[in-house]
Protein backbone atom coordinates (compact mmCIF):
# COMPACT_ATOMS: atom_id res chain seq x y z
CA MET A 1 -55.63 -33.85 -43.18
CA THR A 2 -57.63 -30.71 -44.06
CA TYR A 3 -55.97 -27.47 -45.42
CA LYS A 4 -56.85 -25.64 -42.11
CA LYS A 5 -55.17 -28.24 -39.82
CA ARG A 6 -52.02 -27.94 -41.99
CA LEU A 7 -51.84 -24.32 -41.89
CA ILE A 8 -52.12 -24.32 -38.22
CA ILE A 9 -49.19 -26.81 -37.88
CA LEU A 10 -47.09 -24.87 -40.41
CA LEU A 11 -47.64 -21.64 -38.77
CA SER A 12 -46.95 -23.16 -35.23
CA LEU A 13 -43.61 -24.74 -36.77
CA ILE A 14 -42.75 -21.19 -37.96
CA GLY A 15 -43.64 -19.53 -34.53
CA ALA A 16 -41.45 -22.08 -33.04
CA MET A 17 -38.51 -21.22 -35.17
CA VAL A 18 -38.91 -17.64 -34.78
CA LEU A 19 -38.99 -18.19 -31.00
CA ALA A 20 -35.92 -20.14 -30.88
CA TYR A 21 -34.09 -17.73 -33.34
CA SER A 22 -34.97 -14.83 -30.97
CA LEU A 23 -33.92 -16.58 -27.90
CA SER A 24 -30.62 -17.58 -29.53
CA VAL A 25 -29.77 -13.71 -30.32
CA ILE A 26 -30.73 -12.50 -26.90
CA PHE A 27 -28.91 -14.81 -25.18
CA SER A 28 -25.91 -14.40 -27.80
CA TYR A 29 -25.91 -10.68 -27.03
CA GLU A 30 -26.13 -11.25 -23.51
CA ARG A 31 -22.94 -13.48 -23.55
CA SER A 32 -21.23 -11.00 -25.55
CA SER A 33 -22.07 -8.22 -23.32
CA ALA A 34 -20.89 -10.11 -20.38
CA ARG A 35 -17.55 -10.75 -22.05
CA SER A 36 -17.23 -7.16 -22.67
CA SER A 37 -18.10 -6.33 -19.39
CA SER A 38 -15.55 -8.68 -17.82
CA TYR A 39 -12.21 -6.93 -17.96
CA VAL A 40 -8.85 -6.69 -16.75
CA TRP A 41 -6.54 -3.80 -17.18
CA LEU A 42 -3.19 -5.00 -16.96
CA ASP A 43 -1.75 -8.69 -17.36
CA PRO A 44 -0.33 -10.04 -14.03
CA LYS A 45 2.82 -11.22 -15.69
CA SER A 46 3.49 -7.46 -16.89
CA ALA A 47 2.56 -6.12 -13.29
CA GLU A 48 5.31 -8.65 -11.82
CA LYS A 49 7.77 -7.03 -13.98
CA ALA A 50 6.70 -3.45 -13.34
CA GLY A 51 9.54 -1.18 -12.18
CA ARG A 52 8.21 2.33 -12.40
CA ILE A 53 4.83 3.98 -11.48
CA LEU A 54 3.92 7.47 -12.33
CA ILE A 55 1.18 8.99 -10.51
CA ASP A 56 -0.42 12.20 -11.45
CA ASN A 57 -3.57 13.07 -9.47
CA THR A 58 -3.89 16.45 -10.88
CA ASN A 59 -2.72 18.14 -7.37
CA GLU A 60 0.71 16.70 -7.08
CA LYS A 61 3.15 13.99 -9.23
CA PHE A 62 5.15 11.57 -7.59
CA GLU A 63 6.73 8.26 -8.62
CA LEU A 64 7.11 4.71 -7.28
CA ILE A 65 10.27 3.12 -8.46
CA LYS A 66 11.79 -0.42 -7.78
CA LYS A 67 15.58 -0.98 -7.09
CA GLU A 68 16.88 -4.50 -5.90
CA ASN A 69 13.07 -5.64 -5.27
CA LYS A 70 12.58 -2.82 -3.03
CA TRP A 71 10.10 -0.03 -3.67
CA PHE A 72 11.07 3.69 -3.13
CA VAL A 73 8.74 6.83 -3.43
CA ASN A 74 10.53 9.42 -5.55
CA TYR A 75 9.38 12.75 -4.70
CA TYR A 76 11.00 15.71 -6.33
CA GLY A 77 14.31 13.94 -6.42
CA ASN A 78 14.15 12.77 -2.86
CA GLU A 79 13.68 9.02 -2.60
CA PHE A 80 12.10 7.25 0.64
CA PRO A 81 11.32 3.80 1.08
CA ALA A 82 7.77 2.58 0.28
CA ARG A 83 5.55 -0.13 1.72
CA SER A 84 6.06 -2.75 -0.51
CA LEU A 85 2.67 -4.32 0.44
CA ARG A 86 0.85 -1.26 -0.46
CA VAL A 87 2.42 -1.17 -3.89
CA GLU A 88 1.23 -4.60 -4.45
CA ASP A 89 -2.17 -4.05 -3.73
CA PHE A 90 -2.37 -1.25 -6.02
CA LEU A 91 -0.85 -3.20 -8.76
CA SER A 92 -3.36 -6.09 -7.96
CA PHE A 93 -6.22 -3.55 -8.64
CA PHE A 94 -5.65 -3.59 -12.03
CA THR A 95 -4.69 -7.27 -12.69
CA LYS A 96 -8.09 -8.58 -11.14
CA ARG A 97 -10.56 -9.55 -13.67
CA ALA A 98 -13.98 -7.73 -12.63
CA GLN A 99 -17.03 -6.27 -14.38
CA TRP A 100 -15.95 -3.09 -16.34
CA PRO A 101 -19.03 -2.44 -18.78
CA VAL A 102 -18.13 0.05 -21.76
CA ARG A 103 -20.14 3.18 -21.14
CA SER A 104 -18.93 4.77 -24.42
CA ALA A 105 -16.91 4.59 -27.30
CA SER A 106 -17.03 8.21 -28.54
CA ALA A 107 -14.24 10.56 -28.03
CA SER A 108 -16.93 13.32 -27.82
CA ALA A 109 -17.84 11.68 -24.39
CA HIS A 110 -14.56 12.00 -22.96
CA LYS A 111 -15.17 15.18 -21.05
CA ARG A 112 -18.51 14.34 -19.72
CA PHE A 113 -17.01 11.39 -17.94
CA GLY A 114 -14.25 13.52 -16.58
CA LEU A 115 -11.46 11.84 -19.03
CA ASP A 116 -10.27 14.60 -20.84
CA ASP A 117 -6.64 15.72 -20.80
CA ASN A 118 -7.41 17.20 -17.11
CA ALA A 119 -7.99 13.63 -15.64
CA ALA A 120 -5.78 12.03 -13.16
CA ARG A 121 -3.42 9.58 -14.71
CA ILE A 122 -1.45 6.32 -13.82
CA THR A 123 1.36 5.14 -15.96
CA ILE A 124 2.97 1.93 -15.19
CA TYR A 125 6.12 0.92 -16.83
CA GLY A 126 7.73 -2.66 -17.26
CA GLU A 127 11.16 -3.43 -18.21
CA TYR A 128 11.23 -1.58 -21.60
CA SER A 129 7.92 0.16 -21.98
CA VAL A 130 4.83 1.34 -20.68
CA VAL A 131 2.52 -1.53 -19.92
CA LEU A 132 -0.49 0.59 -18.74
CA ASP A 133 -1.50 4.20 -19.43
CA VAL A 134 -4.75 4.84 -17.76
CA LEU A 135 -6.94 8.15 -17.28
CA LEU A 136 -9.12 8.21 -14.02
CA GLY A 137 -12.28 10.27 -14.48
CA ASP A 138 -15.52 11.10 -12.42
CA TYR A 139 -17.48 9.06 -9.94
CA ASP A 140 -20.78 7.73 -11.31
CA ASN A 141 -24.10 8.45 -9.70
CA THR A 142 -23.82 5.73 -7.14
CA GLY A 143 -20.29 7.20 -6.05
CA SER A 144 -18.78 3.37 -5.89
CA ASP A 145 -17.97 3.32 -9.22
CA ALA A 146 -15.70 5.65 -11.42
CA TYR A 147 -14.99 6.05 -15.24
CA PHE A 148 -11.75 4.81 -16.53
CA ARG A 149 -10.16 4.65 -20.24
CA LYS A 150 -6.69 3.90 -21.53
CA VAL A 151 -4.85 6.73 -22.89
CA GLY A 152 -4.86 6.84 -26.89
CA GLN A 153 -8.23 4.83 -26.75
CA ASN A 154 -11.84 6.37 -27.08
CA GLU A 155 -13.67 3.34 -25.13
CA VAL A 156 -14.58 4.46 -21.62
CA ARG A 157 -15.50 1.69 -18.91
CA SER A 158 -16.77 1.98 -15.60
CA GLY A 159 -15.90 0.27 -12.26
CA ASP A 160 -14.47 0.10 -8.88
CA SER A 161 -13.41 3.48 -7.72
CA SER A 162 -11.44 2.31 -4.72
CA VAL A 163 -8.36 2.92 -6.41
CA TYR A 164 -8.86 6.92 -5.67
CA SER A 165 -7.87 6.00 -2.00
CA TYR A 166 -4.41 5.31 -3.28
CA ILE A 167 -3.84 8.40 -5.26
CA THR A 168 -5.74 11.17 -3.22
CA GLY A 169 -4.70 10.16 0.09
CA THR A 170 -1.61 11.62 1.80
CA LEU A 171 2.12 10.94 0.44
CA THR A 172 3.15 9.40 3.60
CA GLY A 173 0.59 6.68 3.14
CA TRP A 174 3.02 5.33 0.60
CA TYR A 175 5.97 5.55 2.97
CA ASN A 176 7.26 2.65 4.98
CA LEU A 177 8.13 4.51 8.15
CA ARG A 178 8.77 1.43 10.26
CA LEU A 179 12.24 2.09 12.13
CA ILE A 180 13.00 -1.44 11.24
CA PRO A 181 11.71 -1.59 7.80
CA GLY A 182 11.57 -5.24 7.51
CA SER A 183 8.85 -5.52 9.92
CA ALA A 184 6.33 -3.91 7.51
CA ASP A 185 6.68 -7.23 5.33
CA GLY A 186 7.01 -9.51 8.05
CA SER A 187 10.75 -10.50 7.16
CA VAL A 188 11.74 -9.27 10.67
CA ASP A 189 9.74 -10.05 13.93
CA SER A 190 10.52 -9.67 17.75
CA SER A 191 11.26 -13.62 17.80
CA SER A 192 14.51 -12.80 16.15
CA VAL A 193 15.57 -10.58 18.53
CA GLN A 194 18.15 -11.78 21.54
CA ARG A 195 19.03 -8.61 23.15
CA VAL A 196 17.73 -5.09 23.50
CA THR A 197 19.76 -2.50 25.09
CA VAL A 198 18.16 1.11 25.98
CA TYR A 199 20.37 3.99 26.98
CA ASN A 200 18.89 7.14 27.92
CA GLU A 201 20.28 10.26 29.92
CA GLU A 202 19.45 8.47 33.30
CA GLU A 203 20.02 4.73 32.88
CA THR A 204 20.68 1.86 30.92
CA GLN A 205 18.34 -1.13 30.42
CA THR A 206 19.19 -4.38 28.88
CA PHE A 207 16.78 -7.29 28.04
CA THR A 208 18.35 -10.38 27.07
CA ARG A 209 16.31 -13.41 25.94
CA LYS A 210 16.86 -16.67 27.92
CA GLY A 211 14.52 -19.52 26.20
CA ARG A 212 10.96 -18.39 26.77
CA ALA A 213 11.92 -16.00 29.46
CA TRP A 214 13.75 -12.34 29.67
CA GLU A 215 16.72 -11.35 31.80
CA ILE A 216 16.56 -7.82 32.70
CA SER A 217 19.69 -5.88 33.91
CA GLY A 218 20.38 -2.27 34.73
CA ILE A 219 17.21 -1.45 36.32
CA THR A 220 15.37 -3.21 39.51
CA VAL A 221 12.25 -5.26 38.51
CA GLU A 222 11.34 -7.56 41.41
CA ASN A 223 8.82 -9.70 39.58
CA PRO A 224 9.37 -9.55 35.90
CA ASP A 225 6.39 -9.68 33.57
CA VAL A 226 7.69 -11.83 30.80
CA SER A 227 4.64 -10.85 28.36
CA ALA A 228 5.15 -7.25 29.25
CA VAL A 229 8.97 -7.50 27.99
CA GLU A 230 7.73 -9.27 25.10
CA ASN A 231 5.22 -6.46 24.16
CA TYR A 232 8.09 -4.05 24.75
CA VAL A 233 10.30 -5.66 22.41
CA SER A 234 7.48 -6.09 19.53
CA PHE A 235 6.54 -2.67 19.84
CA ILE A 236 10.17 -1.44 19.26
CA ILE A 237 10.33 -3.68 16.27
CA ASN A 238 7.09 -2.37 14.78
CA ALA A 239 7.51 1.16 15.83
CA GLU A 240 7.17 3.79 13.14
CA GLY A 241 7.63 7.55 12.58
CA GLU A 242 4.75 9.78 11.21
CA ASP A 243 7.06 11.26 8.33
CA PHE A 244 10.46 11.76 7.23
CA ALA A 245 12.28 14.80 8.18
CA ASP A 246 14.65 17.01 6.09
CA SER A 247 18.10 15.66 7.48
CA ASN A 248 19.65 19.33 6.98
CA LEU A 249 17.07 20.80 9.16
CA THR A 250 17.96 18.45 12.06
CA SER A 251 21.53 18.48 11.67
CA GLY A 252 21.82 20.50 14.81
CA TYR A 253 20.03 17.97 17.33
CA ASN A 254 22.08 15.51 19.58
CA PHE A 255 21.27 11.98 18.40
CA ASP A 256 23.81 10.51 21.10
CA ASN A 257 22.18 10.63 24.25
CA SER A 258 19.13 8.28 23.89
CA ARG A 259 19.51 4.95 21.48
CA ILE A 260 18.38 1.49 21.55
CA VAL A 261 20.46 -1.25 20.23
CA ILE A 262 18.76 -4.30 18.83
CA GLU A 263 20.65 -7.64 18.50
CA PHE A 264 19.32 -10.32 16.37
CA GLY A 265 19.98 -13.96 16.21
CA ASP A 266 21.84 -13.74 12.91
CA ALA A 267 24.42 -11.42 14.59
CA GLY A 268 22.87 -8.59 13.01
CA VAL A 269 22.73 -5.31 15.14
CA THR A 270 20.62 -2.26 14.53
CA THR A 271 20.91 1.09 16.36
CA ILE A 272 18.24 3.43 16.66
CA ARG A 273 19.56 6.96 17.75
CA ILE A 274 16.75 9.53 18.87
CA SER A 275 17.10 13.34 19.72
CA GLY A 276 15.90 15.33 22.19
CA PRO A 277 12.33 16.94 21.76
CA ASP A 278 11.76 20.09 19.73
CA GLU A 279 9.33 22.83 20.23
CA PHE A 280 6.46 20.67 19.58
CA ASP A 281 7.52 17.77 21.62
CA LYS A 282 8.55 15.57 18.76
CA ARG A 283 11.64 13.98 18.17
CA TYR A 284 13.85 12.57 15.37
CA ALA A 285 15.18 9.24 14.92
CA LYS A 286 18.05 7.94 12.70
CA VAL A 287 18.65 4.10 12.15
CA GLY A 288 22.05 2.50 11.71
CA GLY A 289 24.24 4.41 9.18
CA GLY A 290 21.19 5.43 7.05
CA GLY A 291 20.72 8.86 6.00
CA LEU A 292 17.06 9.03 6.65
CA THR A 293 15.59 11.01 9.73
CA TYR A 294 12.13 10.10 11.14
CA VAL A 295 9.82 12.15 12.63
CA ILE A 296 8.58 10.55 16.23
CA PRO A 297 5.37 11.72 17.82
CA LEU A 298 5.89 12.15 21.46
CA TRP A 299 3.49 9.10 22.25
CA VAL A 300 5.73 6.82 20.70
CA THR A 301 8.83 8.08 22.37
CA ALA A 302 7.01 7.55 25.84
CA ARG A 303 6.58 3.93 24.67
CA LEU A 304 10.08 3.27 23.47
CA PHE A 305 11.62 4.90 26.70
CA ARG A 306 9.98 3.19 29.88
CA ASP A 307 10.40 2.93 33.45
CA SER A 308 11.21 -0.29 35.35
CA SER A 309 7.35 -0.38 36.72
CA SER A 310 6.38 -1.05 33.21
CA PHE A 311 7.89 -4.32 33.54
CA GLU A 312 6.69 -5.67 36.92
CA LEU A 313 4.07 -8.31 36.98
CA GLN A 314 0.93 -6.60 38.22
């Protein structure tokens, strides 16, 4: 074999080795980059043990606290029942592994990303300590992502900005405003209702379940519409107010003239007492012996108290 052919073969081998090495470096970098982008903020097991969440959206502060497996909104010392499913969805945002690429590891870049001391902040507490303390910064150029970093760390990551919808909406978005709170998570539904008695200033209506039908008394219904009664009972179970009212400000209202008594199959009884209208045609409701007062808009009141024609088969 001539010297020239040997040189060509040797150079070809060297070129192949260089190419193979270069490709291995590129793929190694890509795998490393993918690993650094795939990220989860909070371990799911830690999230399950969360008992307190402090939210500071720079405009106001409030906290979510868990008591006896139920979530409450603590706002300036007042506790209101929270929508547990919303809290769980909120926590799941941080426990889902997703693409969170690193954008910077320099402290000098924090202000540029809106992640200085003025940023919104979410602090999640476990049984004994903080399990996540994260700052929320500015949106990126697309508007679909935002910048995040853990308190005390310099690393900045970008990703899904939908968490902002939880912390910038109205506080009532966290409230469980169902008059029957258990209907919000499905633990109570209309199928468990055996009797509904509606008292108002004019008459008393009673709806008693008889197998798949309903027996109506107190009002005259010539041709009862079973589906209309079912829908009515379902509406009562799922009815909700639009806010909680200050009980001290509504102490002068009469809550005895209009009420709805719901009897369940497990022998439980819940009474919803509703006041007369205020100057804005809104009413207030108290449920059972609880101390909460709900603000009830006019359209909800109209559907809670119906005349006999509502139950006639058309």
